[in-house]
């Protein structure tokens, strides 16, 4: 759903954002969300605690926040300024609670595996009908090879599809990682995979709080992510 006026960037954001949340959900088993702008995430998170400041900033009131809404609030709250006009991706079907929140934020579209009854119609009224609503197939696997044509030359490479699991983590000191630290590391690795290089990602409490994208200097990327 969605009317003309959307750009190729919007669709690239949606398709890359969906892959990110699908992989984070597979790695963590928790609902995941991301906020995407210009082919890189501005934030990513799994469901978790939403503090009083977040509730106030996003008009959530005093009622408990559901898992999917909490995942998106935690993702978007990482960098609200950069998330303005974002593309949203969530790993679970969009429920009414999340839809009520999305009606109030400035965003260009959303991609999700499904939508609760009436939710797509509610969201389709955003931006005078120009809000993009996509439904992803959770079982779809893209081809092994990716192709891109630039100035008449077709380039091919294998898709970066290696599973990112806790088995890849190499602790260089004699300290065992806690379950939350493992989740932090996995979220950081998946987020970095879908961020334009050079990238640095800082994660805490399973929220990607600092993401630097597309920096020629790794030093500057680190400074930007930490800012």
Protein backbone atom coordinates (compact mmCIF):
# COMPACT_ATOMS: atom_id res chain seq x y z
CA UNK A 1 0.00 0.00 0.00
CA UNK A 2 1.14 3.52 -0.64
CA UNK A 3 0.88 6.03 -3.45
CA UNK A 4 3.47 7.47 -5.89
CA UNK A 5 6.08 9.84 -4.54
CA UNK A 6 8.16 7.28 -2.69
CA UNK A 7 11.79 6.92 -3.73
CA UNK A 8 14.09 4.00 -4.41
CA UNK A 9 15.78 4.82 -1.09
CA UNK A 10 12.47 4.16 0.70
CA UNK A 11 12.30 0.66 -0.76
CA UNK A 12 15.98 -0.05 -0.12
CA UNK A 13 15.49 1.07 3.48
CA UNK A 14 12.49 -1.21 3.89
CA UNK A 15 14.12 -4.30 2.40
CA UNK A 16 17.36 -3.91 4.34
CA UNK A 17 15.53 -3.04 7.54
CA UNK A 18 13.42 -6.20 7.25
CA UNK A 19 16.51 -8.37 6.93
CA UNK A 20 17.99 -6.73 10.03
CA UNK A 21 14.99 -7.38 12.28
CA UNK A 22 14.52 -10.89 10.93
CA UNK A 23 18.13 -11.76 11.80
CA UNK A 24 17.98 -10.09 15.21
CA UNK A 25 14.80 -11.99 16.03
CA UNK A 26 16.40 -15.26 14.90
CA UNK A 27 19.45 -14.59 17.07
CA UNK A 28 17.60 -13.40 20.18
CA UNK A 29 14.16 -14.98 20.03
CA UNK A 30 12.67 -11.60 20.98
CA UNK A 31 10.59 -9.09 19.00
CA UNK A 32 12.93 -6.73 17.17
CA UNK A 33 12.57 -3.31 15.56
CA UNK A 34 14.71 -0.88 13.64
CA UNK A 35 14.50 2.67 12.34
CA UNK A 36 16.15 3.14 8.92
CA UNK A 37 17.24 6.25 7.00
CA UNK A 38 19.26 6.45 3.78
CA UNK A 39 20.14 2.73 3.68
CA UNK A 40 21.47 2.52 7.23
CA UNK A 41 19.80 2.03 10.62
CA UNK A 42 19.53 4.96 12.99
CA UNK A 43 18.62 2.59 15.80
CA UNK A 44 17.80 -1.06 16.49
CA UNK A 45 16.59 -2.92 19.55
CA UNK A 46 14.70 -5.87 20.91
CA UNK A 47 11.71 -5.72 23.25
CA UNK A 48 12.63 -4.62 26.74
CA UNK A 49 12.21 -2.10 29.49
CA UNK A 50 10.99 1.38 28.56
CA UNK A 51 11.91 3.95 31.19
CA UNK A 52 9.86 6.92 32.35
CA UNK A 53 11.71 9.37 30.10
CA UNK A 54 10.98 7.30 27.01
CA UNK A 55 7.32 6.99 28.02
CA UNK A 56 7.09 10.76 28.40
CA UNK A 57 8.94 11.50 25.15
CA UNK A 58 6.73 9.17 23.12
CA UNK A 59 3.43 9.85 24.89
CA UNK A 60 3.00 6.31 26.15
CA UNK A 61 1.32 7.15 29.44
CA UNK A 62 1.51 5.02 32.55
CA UNK A 63 0.14 1.74 31.16
CA UNK A 64 2.55 -1.15 30.55
CA UNK A 65 4.12 -1.07 27.09
CA UNK A 66 3.77 -4.20 24.97
CA UNK A 67 6.82 -5.99 23.55
CA UNK A 68 6.56 -4.79 19.95
CA UNK A 69 5.91 -1.16 20.84
CA UNK A 70 8.76 -1.27 23.35
CA UNK A 71 11.13 -2.62 20.70
CA UNK A 72 10.34 0.25 18.34
CA UNK A 73 10.48 2.94 21.03
CA UNK A 74 13.88 1.63 22.15
CA UNK A 75 15.11 1.60 18.54
CA UNK A 76 13.85 5.06 17.61
CA UNK A 77 14.84 6.65 20.91
CA UNK A 78 18.52 5.96 20.15
CA UNK A 79 18.59 8.91 17.72
CA UNK A 80 15.19 10.62 17.45
CA UNK A 81 16.52 13.43 15.26
CA UNK A 82 17.97 11.12 12.61
CA UNK A 83 14.90 8.87 12.82
CA UNK A 84 12.60 11.69 11.69
CA UNK A 85 10.91 10.43 8.51
CA UNK A 86 12.26 6.92 8.92
CA UNK A 87 11.40 3.55 7.45
CA UNK A 88 10.27 1.16 10.18
CA UNK A 89 10.75 -2.60 10.32
CA UNK A 90 9.46 -4.96 12.99
CA UNK A 91 9.87 -8.71 13.25
CA UNK A 92 6.32 -9.42 14.46
CA UNK A 93 2.82 -8.61 13.16
CA UNK A 94 1.92 -4.98 13.84
CA UNK A 95 -0.64 -4.70 16.65
CA UNK A 96 -2.97 -1.82 17.53
CA UNK A 97 -0.67 -0.53 20.27
CA UNK A 98 2.23 -0.02 17.88
CA UNK A 99 -0.08 1.40 15.21
CA UNK A 100 -1.43 3.99 17.67
CA UNK A 101 2.16 5.06 18.34
CA UNK A 102 3.11 5.18 14.66
CA UNK A 103 0.16 7.42 13.82
CA UNK A 104 1.80 10.10 15.99
CA UNK A 105 5.36 9.93 14.64
CA UNK A 106 6.77 11.27 11.38
CA UNK A 107 7.69 8.26 9.28
CA UNK A 108 7.67 7.24 5.61
CA UNK A 109 6.61 3.61 5.92
CA UNK A 110 6.78 0.23 7.59
CA UNK A 111 7.54 -3.37 6.72
CA UNK A 112 6.35 -6.28 8.86
CA UNK A 113 5.36 -9.93 8.46
CA UNK A 114 1.66 -9.14 9.01
CA UNK A 115 -0.82 -6.63 10.39
CA UNK A 116 -3.65 -7.02 12.89
CA UNK A 117 -7.16 -6.45 11.47
CA UNK A 118 -7.74 -2.77 10.74
CA UNK A 119 -4.15 -1.73 11.39
CA UNK A 120 -3.08 -1.40 7.75
CA UNK A 121 -6.12 0.76 7.01
CA UNK A 122 -5.31 2.95 10.02
CA UNK A 123 -1.71 3.45 8.91
CA UNK A 124 -2.60 3.97 5.25
CA UNK A 125 -4.13 7.34 6.15
CA UNK A 126 -0.75 8.71 7.24
CA UNK A 127 0.90 11.28 4.97
CA UNK A 128 -2.34 11.67 2.98
CA UNK A 129 -2.09 8.08 1.80
CA UNK A 130 1.62 8.21 0.92
CA UNK A 131 2.72 6.06 3.87
CA UNK A 132 4.31 2.89 2.51
CA UNK A 133 3.01 -0.38 4.00
CA UNK A 134 4.81 -3.57 3.03
CA UNK A 135 4.22 -7.15 4.14
CA UNK A 136 7.32 -9.35 4.17
CA UNK A 137 7.39 -13.11 3.71
CA UNK A 138 9.33 -14.45 6.73
CA UNK A 139 10.21 -17.63 4.84
CA UNK A 140 11.66 -15.96 1.74
CA UNK A 141 15.38 -16.46 1.16
CA UNK A 142 17.03 -14.30 -1.52
CA UNK A 143 19.35 -15.81 -4.14
CA UNK A 144 22.88 -16.69 -3.12
CA UNK A 145 24.36 -14.21 -5.57
CA UNK A 146 23.70 -10.47 -5.58
CA UNK A 147 23.96 -8.54 -8.85
CA UNK A 148 24.33 -4.83 -9.48
CA UNK A 149 24.84 -2.94 -12.72
CA UNK A 150 26.91 0.26 -12.66
CA UNK A 151 27.65 2.24 -15.81
CA UNK A 152 27.02 -0.76 -18.04
CA UNK A 153 29.07 -3.22 -15.98
CA UNK A 154 27.34 -6.00 -14.05
CA UNK A 155 28.96 -6.86 -10.73
CA UNK A 156 28.22 -10.02 -8.75
CA UNK A 157 29.09 -11.15 -5.25
CA UNK A 158 27.87 -13.74 -2.80
CA UNK A 159 25.32 -12.41 -0.35
CA UNK A 160 26.58 -11.92 3.20
CA UNK A 161 24.38 -14.61 4.72
CA UNK A 162 26.63 -16.27 7.31
CA UNK A 163 24.61 -16.89 10.50
CA UNK A 164 25.61 -14.55 13.32
CA UNK A 165 25.52 -16.62 16.50
CA UNK A 166 27.11 -16.63 19.94
CA UNK A 167 29.62 -19.20 18.69
CA UNK A 168 31.36 -16.41 16.77
CA UNK A 169 32.13 -14.42 19.91
CA UNK A 170 35.77 -14.60 20.95
CA UNK A 171 36.38 -13.33 24.48
CA UNK A 172 39.98 -12.11 24.69
CA UNK A 173 40.00 -11.89 28.49
CA UNK A 174 39.16 -14.61 31.00
CA UNK A 175 35.70 -13.19 31.63
CA UNK A 176 32.51 -15.00 30.74
CA UNK A 177 29.92 -12.92 28.93
CA UNK A 178 26.53 -12.54 30.57
CA UNK A 179 23.39 -13.41 28.57
CA UNK A 180 22.66 -9.70 28.08
CA UNK A 181 26.22 -9.04 26.86
CA UNK A 182 25.84 -11.86 24.35
CA UNK A 183 22.58 -10.32 23.12
CA UNK A 184 24.32 -6.93 22.93
CA UNK A 185 27.09 -8.40 20.79
CA UNK A 186 24.70 -10.19 18.45
CA UNK A 187 22.57 -7.07 18.00
CA UNK A 188 25.70 -5.05 17.28
CA UNK A 189 26.95 -7.53 14.67
CA UNK A 190 23.63 -7.70 12.84
CA UNK A 191 23.22 -3.93 12.95
CA UNK A 192 26.72 -3.42 11.56
CA UNK A 193 25.99 -5.88 8.75
CA UNK A 194 23.20 -3.63 7.48
CA UNK A 195 25.02 -0.32 8.01
CA UNK A 196 27.07 1.34 5.28
CA UNK A 197 30.84 0.99 5.85
CA UNK A 198 32.84 2.20 7.61
CA UNK A 199 30.61 1.62 10.58
CA UNK A 200 30.89 1.45 14.35
CA UNK A 201 27.98 0.35 16.55
CA UNK A 202 27.67 0.85 20.32
CA UNK A 203 25.11 -1.34 22.09
CA UNK A 204 23.84 -1.33 25.68
CA UNK A 205 20.88 -3.20 27.20
CA UNK A 206 20.19 -4.68 23.75
CA UNK A 207 19.71 -1.25 22.17
CA UNK A 208 21.99 0.07 19.44
CA UNK A 209 22.56 3.49 21.01
CA UNK A 210 25.31 4.79 18.72
CA UNK A 211 25.60 3.97 15.01
CA UNK A 212 28.09 5.60 12.65
CA UNK A 213 27.53 4.91 8.96
CA UNK A 214 29.44 5.55 5.76
CA UNK A 215 32.54 7.14 7.27
CA UNK A 216 35.79 7.07 5.32
CA UNK A 217 37.73 7.16 8.59
CA UNK A 218 37.24 4.44 11.20
CA UNK A 219 38.51 6.88 13.82
CA UNK A 220 35.84 9.41 12.89
CA UNK A 221 33.25 6.62 12.83
CA UNK A 222 34.13 5.74 16.41
CA UNK A 223 33.88 9.38 17.50
CA UNK A 224 30.55 9.81 15.73
CA UNK A 225 29.02 6.66 17.24
CA UNK A 226 30.16 7.73 20.71
CA UNK A 227 28.85 11.28 20.44
